[in-house]
Amino acid sequence: MNFSLKFNCAVIVSCAIFFSCSSNSEKIDELDSQNTIQYDSLELESKEDENSEKIPEKLSNPMKAELICVTSMDEYENPKSDVSVILNGKKIKIQSVIGAMNPISEDEYSDYQIPKNAISAYGGWWAGAGDYFYISPSSNGIIVFHGWQDESQEDTGYHWEKIKEINL
């Protein structure tokens, strides 16, 4: 009988510790998932290059931004990617391209002539041509850039063009 009472007390104390710890880790996980990209406290270089406009050292508004690509198959069984931006929880479609798009890591930005201040980038190659996208912060929100390459092009580079500016 005495063993049963000790066992029940141990179970109750263990459950209390478990639930108090798990609720804190859930709060931490929730905070991590909410902080995709926060620019309210991130120091940014203030400089210009050919593919982005001058940005302030600090952005005044907190902003979460991410470039996403969802790939499916078109009616001819070719991969097709829908390129969108998630800005502060709102999804904004940019355009659709033929080919499967994959993320480009920050370590590869210089290989693709993407500036260091880019937030995220995607690219893909299909049937002799490639499409590439990246987003950069601006003083009012973000700028979306599109680039391309073709196996038969006579020049070099990615032909980056600003295609959309999204303001907060």
N, C-alpha and C. Protein backbone atom coordinates (compact mmCIF):
# COMPACT_ATOMS: atom_id res chain seq x y z
N MET A 1 0.82 -1.18 0.00
CA MET A 1 0.00 0.00 0.00
C MET A 1 0.87 1.26 0.00
N ASN A 2 1.92 1.26 0.82
CA ASN A 2 2.84 2.39 0.90
C ASN A 2 3.56 2.58 -0.43
N PHE A 3 3.93 1.50 -1.11
CA PHE A 3 4.57 1.57 -2.43
C PHE A 3 3.64 2.22 -3.45
N SER A 4 2.35 1.88 -3.40
CA SER A 4 1.37 2.42 -4.33
C SER A 4 1.24 3.94 -4.17
N LEU A 5 1.24 4.43 -2.94
CA LEU A 5 1.14 5.86 -2.68
C LEU A 5 2.37 6.58 -3.21
N LYS A 6 3.57 6.01 -2.97
CA LYS A 6 4.81 6.62 -3.48
C LYS A 6 4.82 6.62 -5.02
N PHE A 7 4.36 5.53 -5.60
CA PHE A 7 4.32 5.43 -7.06
C PHE A 7 3.38 6.48 -7.64
N ASN A 8 2.18 6.63 -7.07
CA ASN A 8 1.22 7.61 -7.56
C ASN A 8 1.77 9.03 -7.44
N CYS A 9 2.43 9.33 -6.33
CA CYS A 9 3.03 10.67 -6.15
C CYS A 9 4.11 10.91 -7.21
N ALA A 10 4.92 9.89 -7.46
CA ALA A 10 5.99 10.03 -8.46
C ALA A 10 5.40 10.26 -9.85
N VAL A 11 4.32 9.59 -10.18
CA VAL A 11 3.67 9.76 -11.47
C VAL A 11 3.10 11.16 -11.60
N ILE A 12 2.45 11.65 -10.55
CA ILE A 12 1.86 12.99 -10.58
C ILE A 12 2.94 14.06 -10.74
N VAL A 13 4.04 13.95 -9.99
CA VAL A 13 5.14 14.92 -10.09
C VAL A 13 5.78 14.85 -11.47
N SER A 14 5.98 13.65 -12.01
CA SER A 14 6.56 13.50 -13.35
C SER A 14 5.68 14.13 -14.41
N CYS A 15 4.37 13.92 -14.30
CA CYS A 15 3.44 14.52 -15.27
C CYS A 15 3.47 16.04 -15.19
N ALA A 16 3.51 16.57 -13.98
CA ALA A 16 3.55 18.03 -13.82
C ALA A 16 4.80 18.61 -14.45
N ILE A 17 5.95 17.97 -14.23
CA ILE A 17 7.21 18.44 -14.82
C ILE A 17 7.14 18.32 -16.34
N PHE A 18 6.65 17.22 -16.85
CA PHE A 18 6.56 17.00 -18.30
C PHE A 18 5.71 18.07 -18.97
N PHE A 19 4.50 18.33 -18.42
CA PHE A 19 3.60 19.29 -19.04
C PHE A 19 4.12 20.72 -18.93
N SER A 20 4.78 21.05 -17.84
CA SER A 20 5.32 22.42 -17.74
C SER A 20 6.48 22.61 -18.70
N CYS A 21 7.30 21.59 -18.92
CA CYS A 21 8.40 21.70 -19.88
C CYS A 21 7.89 21.72 -21.32
N SER A 22 6.93 20.87 -21.63
CA SER A 22 6.47 20.80 -23.02
C SER A 22 5.75 22.08 -23.44
N SER A 23 5.07 22.76 -22.53
CA SER A 23 4.39 23.99 -22.93
C SER A 23 5.41 25.08 -23.25
N ASN A 24 6.55 25.11 -22.57
CA ASN A 24 7.60 26.08 -22.90
C ASN A 24 8.21 25.78 -24.25
N SER A 25 8.46 24.51 -24.56
CA SER A 25 9.07 24.19 -25.86
C SER A 25 8.10 24.48 -26.99
N GLU A 26 6.78 24.31 -26.75
CA GLU A 26 5.81 24.67 -27.77
C GLU A 26 5.85 26.16 -28.05
N LYS A 27 6.01 26.98 -26.99
CA LYS A 27 6.09 28.42 -27.18
C LYS A 27 7.34 28.78 -27.97
N ILE A 28 8.46 28.12 -27.69
CA ILE A 28 9.70 28.38 -28.42
C ILE A 28 9.53 27.99 -29.88
N ASP A 29 8.93 26.80 -30.15
CA ASP A 29 8.69 26.38 -31.54
C ASP A 29 7.79 27.37 -32.26
N GLU A 30 6.76 27.88 -31.55
CA GLU A 30 5.85 28.84 -32.16
C GLU A 30 6.59 30.13 -32.52
N LEU A 31 7.46 30.59 -31.63
CA LEU A 31 8.24 31.80 -31.92
C LEU A 31 9.18 31.57 -33.09
N ASP A 32 9.84 30.41 -33.15
CA ASP A 32 10.75 30.11 -34.26
C ASP A 32 10.01 30.10 -35.58
N SER A 33 8.81 29.53 -35.63
CA SER A 33 8.08 29.46 -36.89
C SER A 33 7.59 30.83 -37.32
N GLN A 34 7.44 31.76 -36.38
CA GLN A 34 6.97 33.10 -36.73
C GLN A 34 8.10 34.00 -37.22
N ASN A 35 9.33 33.63 -36.98
CA ASN A 35 10.47 34.49 -37.30
C ASN A 35 11.19 34.02 -38.54
N THR A 36 10.49 33.94 -39.64
CA THR A 36 11.11 33.52 -40.90
C THR A 36 12.25 34.46 -41.24
N ILE A 37 11.95 35.73 -41.39
CA ILE A 37 12.97 36.75 -41.63
C ILE A 37 12.48 38.02 -40.97
N GLN A 38 13.21 38.52 -40.02
CA GLN A 38 12.83 39.74 -39.32
C GLN A 38 13.89 40.79 -39.60
N TYR A 39 13.48 41.93 -40.12
CA TYR A 39 14.43 42.98 -40.45
C TYR A 39 14.38 44.16 -39.49
N ASP A 40 13.57 44.08 -38.43
CA ASP A 40 13.50 45.21 -37.54
C ASP A 40 14.77 45.36 -36.70
N SER A 41 15.52 44.28 -36.50
CA SER A 41 16.73 44.40 -35.71
C SER A 41 17.97 43.94 -36.48
N LEU A 42 17.82 43.57 -37.72
CA LEU A 42 18.94 43.09 -38.52
C LEU A 42 19.65 44.25 -39.19
N GLU A 43 20.96 44.34 -39.00
CA GLU A 43 21.74 45.39 -39.64
C GLU A 43 21.99 45.01 -41.09
N LEU A 44 21.74 45.92 -42.00
CA LEU A 44 21.95 45.68 -43.42
C LEU A 44 22.99 46.65 -43.95
N GLU A 45 23.82 46.20 -44.88
CA GLU A 45 24.79 47.09 -45.52
C GLU A 45 24.05 48.11 -46.35
N SER A 46 24.52 49.33 -46.33
CA SER A 46 23.89 50.37 -47.13
C SER A 46 24.77 50.62 -48.34
N LYS A 47 24.44 49.93 -49.45
CA LYS A 47 25.22 50.08 -50.66
C LYS A 47 24.35 49.79 -51.87
N GLU A 48 24.84 50.12 -53.03
CA GLU A 48 24.11 49.89 -54.27
C GLU A 48 24.89 48.93 -55.15
N ASP A 49 24.20 48.12 -55.90
CA ASP A 49 24.82 47.36 -56.98
C ASP A 49 23.86 47.39 -58.15
N GLU A 50 24.23 46.74 -59.24
CA GLU A 50 23.43 46.86 -60.46
C GLU A 50 22.06 46.20 -60.36
N ASN A 51 21.86 45.28 -59.41
CA ASN A 51 20.61 44.55 -59.34
C ASN A 51 19.70 44.96 -58.18
N SER A 52 20.09 45.94 -57.38
CA SER A 52 19.24 46.35 -56.28
C SER A 52 19.41 47.83 -56.02
N GLU A 53 18.40 48.40 -55.41
CA GLU A 53 18.49 49.81 -55.10
C GLU A 53 19.13 50.00 -53.74
N LYS A 54 19.51 51.23 -53.43
CA LYS A 54 20.12 51.51 -52.14
C LYS A 54 19.11 51.23 -51.04
N ILE A 55 19.54 50.52 -50.01
CA ILE A 55 18.65 50.19 -48.91
C ILE A 55 19.18 50.84 -47.64
N PRO A 56 18.31 51.12 -46.71
CA PRO A 56 18.76 51.76 -45.47
C PRO A 56 19.52 50.78 -44.60
N GLU A 57 20.27 51.33 -43.64
CA GLU A 57 20.99 50.46 -42.72
C GLU A 57 20.02 49.64 -41.88
N LYS A 58 18.89 50.21 -41.53
CA LYS A 58 17.86 49.50 -40.79
C LYS A 58 16.52 49.81 -41.40
N LEU A 59 15.68 48.81 -41.52
CA LEU A 59 14.33 49.04 -41.98
C LEU A 59 13.46 49.35 -40.77
N SER A 60 12.58 50.32 -40.89
CA SER A 60 11.79 50.74 -39.74
C SER A 60 10.66 49.76 -39.42
N ASN A 61 10.09 49.11 -40.41
CA ASN A 61 8.99 48.17 -40.18
C ASN A 61 9.51 46.75 -40.09
N PRO A 62 9.02 45.97 -39.11
CA PRO A 62 9.39 44.56 -39.09
C PRO A 62 8.78 43.87 -40.31
N MET A 63 9.55 42.99 -40.95
CA MET A 63 9.07 42.37 -42.18
C MET A 63 9.50 40.91 -42.22
N LYS A 64 8.58 40.07 -42.65
CA LYS A 64 8.88 38.66 -42.90
C LYS A 64 8.65 38.44 -44.39
N ALA A 65 9.68 37.99 -45.09
CA ALA A 65 9.55 37.78 -46.53
C ALA A 65 10.24 36.49 -46.93
N GLU A 66 9.66 35.81 -47.91
CA GLU A 66 10.22 34.56 -48.40
C GLU A 66 9.75 34.33 -49.83
N LEU A 67 10.64 33.87 -50.68
CA LEU A 67 10.31 33.48 -52.04
C LEU A 67 9.98 31.99 -51.99
N ILE A 68 8.87 31.58 -52.62
CA ILE A 68 8.52 30.16 -52.66
C ILE A 68 8.17 29.76 -54.08
N CYS A 69 8.40 28.50 -54.40
CA CYS A 69 8.07 27.95 -55.72
C CYS A 69 7.39 26.60 -55.51
N VAL A 70 6.23 26.43 -56.14
CA VAL A 70 5.50 25.17 -56.07
C VAL A 70 5.50 24.57 -57.46
N THR A 71 6.03 23.34 -57.56
CA THR A 71 6.17 22.68 -58.86
C THR A 71 5.08 21.63 -59.05
N SER A 72 4.52 21.61 -60.24
CA SER A 72 3.53 20.61 -60.63
C SER A 72 3.83 20.21 -62.08
N MET A 73 2.97 19.43 -62.68
CA MET A 73 3.15 19.04 -64.08
C MET A 73 2.07 19.71 -64.92
N ASP A 74 2.47 20.18 -66.12
CA ASP A 74 1.48 20.78 -67.01
C ASP A 74 0.79 19.67 -67.82
N GLU A 75 -0.07 20.06 -68.76
CA GLU A 75 -0.84 19.08 -69.52
C GLU A 75 0.02 18.20 -70.43
N TYR A 76 1.28 18.61 -70.69
CA TYR A 76 2.20 17.83 -71.53
C TYR A 76 3.23 17.07 -70.70
N GLU A 77 3.00 16.98 -69.40
CA GLU A 77 3.88 16.30 -68.46
C GLU A 77 5.25 16.98 -68.30
N ASN A 78 5.29 18.29 -68.53
CA ASN A 78 6.48 19.08 -68.27
C ASN A 78 6.34 19.71 -66.88
N PRO A 79 7.45 19.82 -66.14
CA PRO A 79 7.35 20.49 -64.84
C PRO A 79 7.05 21.98 -65.02
N LYS A 80 6.19 22.49 -64.16
CA LYS A 80 5.79 23.89 -64.18
C LYS A 80 5.87 24.39 -62.74
N SER A 81 6.47 25.56 -62.54
CA SER A 81 6.59 26.11 -61.19
C SER A 81 5.85 27.43 -61.07
N ASP A 82 5.08 27.55 -60.02
CA ASP A 82 4.43 28.81 -59.68
C ASP A 82 5.31 29.52 -58.66
N VAL A 83 5.76 30.71 -59.02
CA VAL A 83 6.66 31.49 -58.18
C VAL A 83 5.82 32.52 -57.42
N SER A 84 5.98 32.54 -56.10
CA SER A 84 5.23 33.47 -55.25
C SER A 84 6.15 34.03 -54.17
N VAL A 85 5.67 35.08 -53.56
CA VAL A 85 6.34 35.69 -52.41
C VAL A 85 5.37 35.61 -51.24
N ILE A 86 5.88 35.24 -50.09
CA ILE A 86 5.12 35.35 -48.86
C ILE A 86 5.68 36.58 -48.15
N LEU A 87 4.86 37.60 -47.99
CA LEU A 87 5.28 38.84 -47.35
C LEU A 87 4.35 39.11 -46.18
N ASN A 88 4.91 39.03 -44.98
CA ASN A 88 4.13 39.23 -43.75
C ASN A 88 2.87 38.36 -43.73
N GLY A 89 3.03 37.09 -44.15
CA GLY A 89 1.93 36.14 -44.11
C GLY A 89 1.00 36.18 -45.30
N LYS A 90 1.20 37.10 -46.23
CA LYS A 90 0.33 37.20 -47.41
C LYS A 90 1.06 36.62 -48.62
N LYS A 91 0.41 35.71 -49.34
CA LYS A 91 1.00 35.09 -50.53
C LYS A 91 0.66 35.92 -51.76
N ILE A 92 1.70 36.29 -52.52
CA ILE A 92 1.53 37.10 -53.72
C ILE A 92 2.17 36.34 -54.89
N LYS A 93 1.35 35.94 -55.87
CA LYS A 93 1.87 35.20 -57.02
C LYS A 93 2.65 36.15 -57.93
N ILE A 94 3.82 35.70 -58.35
CA ILE A 94 4.67 36.50 -59.23
C ILE A 94 4.48 36.06 -60.68
N GLN A 95 4.74 34.79 -60.97
CA GLN A 95 4.51 34.25 -62.31
C GLN A 95 4.73 32.75 -62.32
N SER A 96 4.37 32.11 -63.43
CA SER A 96 4.60 30.68 -63.63
C SER A 96 5.68 30.51 -64.69
N VAL A 97 6.54 29.51 -64.51
CA VAL A 97 7.59 29.21 -65.48
C VAL A 97 7.63 27.72 -65.73
N ILE A 98 8.14 27.34 -66.89
CA ILE A 98 8.32 25.93 -67.21
C ILE A 98 9.62 25.47 -66.55
N GLY A 99 9.56 24.33 -65.86
CA GLY A 99 10.73 23.78 -65.19
C GLY A 99 10.51 23.71 -63.69
N ALA A 100 11.29 22.85 -63.05
CA ALA A 100 11.24 22.70 -61.60
C ALA A 100 12.22 23.67 -60.96
N MET A 101 11.73 24.48 -60.05
CA MET A 101 12.57 25.47 -59.38
C MET A 101 13.08 24.90 -58.06
N ASN A 102 14.33 25.20 -57.75
CA ASN A 102 14.96 24.75 -56.52
C ASN A 102 15.57 25.94 -55.80
N PRO A 103 15.64 25.87 -54.47
CA PRO A 103 16.25 26.99 -53.73
C PRO A 103 17.72 27.15 -54.09
N ILE A 104 18.19 28.38 -54.08
CA ILE A 104 19.61 28.69 -54.27
C ILE A 104 20.13 29.13 -52.90
N SER A 105 21.16 28.48 -52.42
CA SER A 105 21.68 28.81 -51.09
C SER A 105 22.49 30.10 -51.13
N GLU A 106 22.60 30.75 -49.98
CA GLU A 106 23.36 32.00 -49.88
C GLU A 106 24.80 31.79 -50.34
N ASP A 107 25.36 30.61 -50.11
CA ASP A 107 26.73 30.32 -50.53
C ASP A 107 26.88 30.36 -52.05
N GLU A 108 25.80 30.16 -52.78
CA GLU A 108 25.83 30.14 -54.24
C GLU A 108 25.45 31.47 -54.88
N TYR A 109 25.07 32.48 -54.10
CA TYR A 109 24.60 33.75 -54.65
C TYR A 109 25.60 34.34 -55.65
N SER A 110 26.87 34.35 -55.32
CA SER A 110 27.85 34.96 -56.23
C SER A 110 27.94 34.20 -57.55
N ASP A 111 27.73 32.88 -57.54
CA ASP A 111 27.76 32.09 -58.77
C ASP A 111 26.65 32.52 -59.73
N TYR A 112 25.53 32.99 -59.18
CA TYR A 112 24.38 33.39 -59.98
C TYR A 112 24.26 34.91 -60.13
N GLN A 113 25.26 35.64 -59.70
CA GLN A 113 25.27 37.11 -59.76
C GLN A 113 24.12 37.71 -58.94
N ILE A 114 23.82 37.07 -57.82
CA ILE A 114 22.78 37.54 -56.90
C ILE A 114 23.47 38.34 -55.80
N PRO A 115 22.97 39.54 -55.47
CA PRO A 115 23.62 40.35 -54.43
C PRO A 115 23.52 39.72 -53.04
N LYS A 116 24.46 40.07 -52.19
CA LYS A 116 24.52 39.52 -50.83
C LYS A 116 23.29 39.87 -50.00
N ASN A 117 22.64 41.00 -50.31
CA ASN A 117 21.50 41.41 -49.50
C ASN A 117 20.20 40.71 -49.90
N ALA A 118 20.26 39.77 -50.83
CA ALA A 118 19.05 39.04 -51.24
C ALA A 118 18.49 38.26 -50.05
N ILE A 119 17.18 38.19 -49.98
CA ILE A 119 16.50 37.49 -48.89
C ILE A 119 16.42 36.00 -49.19
N SER A 120 15.99 35.65 -50.40
CA SER A 120 15.95 34.25 -50.83
C SER A 120 15.95 34.20 -52.35
N ALA A 121 16.32 33.02 -52.88
CA ALA A 121 16.45 32.88 -54.33
C ALA A 121 16.08 31.45 -54.75
N TYR A 122 15.57 31.33 -55.97
CA TYR A 122 15.24 30.04 -56.58
C TYR A 122 15.70 30.05 -58.03
N GLY A 123 15.97 28.87 -58.57
CA GLY A 123 16.32 28.76 -59.97
C GLY A 123 16.06 27.36 -60.49
N GLY A 124 15.94 27.25 -61.80
CA GLY A 124 15.71 25.95 -62.40
C GLY A 124 16.06 25.95 -63.88
N TRP A 125 16.43 24.79 -64.38
CA TRP A 125 16.83 24.61 -65.77
C TRP A 125 15.94 23.54 -66.38
N TRP A 126 15.39 23.81 -67.55
CA TRP A 126 14.55 22.82 -68.23
C TRP A 126 14.67 23.01 -69.73
N ALA A 127 14.97 21.93 -70.44
CA ALA A 127 14.97 21.88 -71.91
C ALA A 127 15.81 22.99 -72.53
N GLY A 128 17.00 23.20 -71.99
CA GLY A 128 17.94 24.15 -72.59
C GLY A 128 17.83 25.59 -72.15
N ALA A 129 17.00 25.87 -71.16
CA ALA A 129 16.86 27.25 -70.69
C ALA A 129 16.61 27.24 -69.18
N GLY A 130 16.98 28.34 -68.54
CA GLY A 130 16.78 28.45 -67.10
C GLY A 130 16.13 29.76 -66.71
N ASP A 131 15.32 29.69 -65.66
CA ASP A 131 14.71 30.87 -65.06
C ASP A 131 15.19 30.94 -63.62
N TYR A 132 15.41 32.18 -63.15
CA TYR A 132 15.95 32.40 -61.82
C TYR A 132 15.23 33.60 -61.20
N PHE A 133 15.02 33.55 -59.88
CA PHE A 133 14.35 34.61 -59.16
C PHE A 133 15.06 34.87 -57.85
N TYR A 134 15.05 36.12 -57.41
CA TYR A 134 15.45 36.43 -56.04
C TYR A 134 14.69 37.66 -55.58
N ILE A 135 14.62 37.80 -54.25
CA ILE A 135 13.99 38.99 -53.68
C ILE A 135 15.00 39.70 -52.80
N SER A 136 14.95 41.04 -52.83
CA SER A 136 15.83 41.89 -52.03
C SER A 136 14.99 42.91 -51.28
N PRO A 137 15.46 43.33 -50.12
CA PRO A 137 14.73 44.36 -49.39
C PRO A 137 14.86 45.71 -50.07
N SER A 138 13.84 46.54 -49.94
CA SER A 138 13.90 47.93 -50.38
C SER A 138 13.48 48.79 -49.21
N SER A 139 13.55 50.08 -49.36
CA SER A 139 13.18 50.96 -48.25
C SER A 139 11.70 50.88 -47.92
N ASN A 140 10.86 50.42 -48.87
CA ASN A 140 9.41 50.34 -48.64
C ASN A 140 8.87 48.92 -48.60
N GLY A 141 9.68 47.91 -48.80
CA GLY A 141 9.20 46.53 -48.84
C GLY A 141 10.24 45.62 -49.45
N ILE A 142 9.88 44.98 -50.58
CA ILE A 142 10.82 44.09 -51.27
C ILE A 142 10.74 44.32 -52.78
N ILE A 143 11.79 43.88 -53.46
CA ILE A 143 11.84 43.92 -54.92
C ILE A 143 12.08 42.50 -55.41
N VAL A 144 11.32 42.10 -56.45
CA VAL A 144 11.47 40.78 -57.05
C VAL A 144 12.25 40.94 -58.35
N PHE A 145 13.28 40.11 -58.51
CA PHE A 145 14.10 40.11 -59.72
C PHE A 145 13.94 38.77 -60.43
N HIS A 146 13.95 38.82 -61.78
CA HIS A 146 13.91 37.63 -62.62
C HIS A 146 15.12 37.65 -63.54
N GLY A 147 15.75 36.50 -63.69
CA GLY A 147 16.87 36.36 -64.61
C GLY A 147 16.68 35.11 -65.45
N TRP A 148 17.42 35.03 -66.52
CA TRP A 148 17.30 33.86 -67.39
C TRP A 148 18.65 33.57 -68.04
N GLN A 149 18.79 32.33 -68.47
CA GLN A 149 19.90 31.89 -69.31
C GLN A 149 19.34 30.92 -70.34
N ASP A 150 20.06 30.82 -71.46
CA ASP A 150 19.65 29.93 -72.53
C ASP A 150 20.92 29.27 -73.05
N GLU A 151 20.85 27.99 -73.38
CA GLU A 151 22.06 27.30 -73.84
C GLU A 151 22.60 27.86 -75.14
N SER A 152 21.80 28.58 -75.90
CA SER A 152 22.28 29.14 -77.17
C SER A 152 22.60 30.63 -77.08
N GLN A 153 22.56 31.21 -75.89
CA GLN A 153 22.85 32.64 -75.78
C GLN A 153 24.32 32.90 -76.09
N GLU A 154 24.58 34.04 -76.70
CA GLU A 154 25.95 34.38 -77.10
C GLU A 154 26.66 35.23 -76.06
N ASP A 155 25.92 35.82 -75.14
CA ASP A 155 26.55 36.59 -74.07
C ASP A 155 26.59 35.74 -72.80
N THR A 156 27.10 36.32 -71.72
CA THR A 156 27.15 35.61 -70.45
C THR A 156 26.24 36.31 -69.45
N GLY A 157 26.00 35.68 -68.36
CA GLY A 157 25.22 36.30 -67.30
C GLY A 157 23.79 35.80 -67.24
N TYR A 158 23.06 36.41 -66.32
CA TYR A 158 21.71 35.96 -66.02
C TYR A 158 20.63 36.96 -66.42
N HIS A 159 21.00 38.06 -67.02
CA HIS A 159 20.04 39.04 -67.55
C HIS A 159 19.01 39.47 -66.50
N TRP A 160 19.47 39.79 -65.31
CA TRP A 160 18.57 40.15 -64.21
C TRP A 160 17.77 41.41 -64.52
N GLU A 161 16.48 41.36 -64.23
CA GLU A 161 15.59 42.51 -64.37
C GLU A 161 14.67 42.60 -63.16
N LYS A 162 14.44 43.81 -62.72
CA LYS A 162 13.45 44.06 -61.66
C LYS A 162 12.07 43.87 -62.29
N ILE A 163 11.28 42.93 -61.75
CA ILE A 163 9.95 42.68 -62.35
C ILE A 163 8.80 43.13 -61.47
N LYS A 164 9.06 43.31 -60.18
CA LYS A 164 7.95 43.73 -59.31
C LYS A 164 8.51 44.32 -58.03
N GLU A 165 7.87 45.39 -57.57
CA GLU A 165 8.18 45.95 -56.27
C GLU A 165 6.92 45.84 -55.42
N ILE A 166 7.09 45.28 -54.24
CA ILE A 166 5.95 45.08 -53.33
C ILE A 166 6.21 45.92 -52.09
N ASN A 167 5.33 46.88 -51.85
CA ASN A 167 5.47 47.77 -50.71
C ASN A 167 4.66 47.28 -49.54
N LEU A 168 5.14 47.58 -48.37
CA LEU A 168 4.41 47.21 -47.13
C LEU A 168 3.21 48.09 -46.94
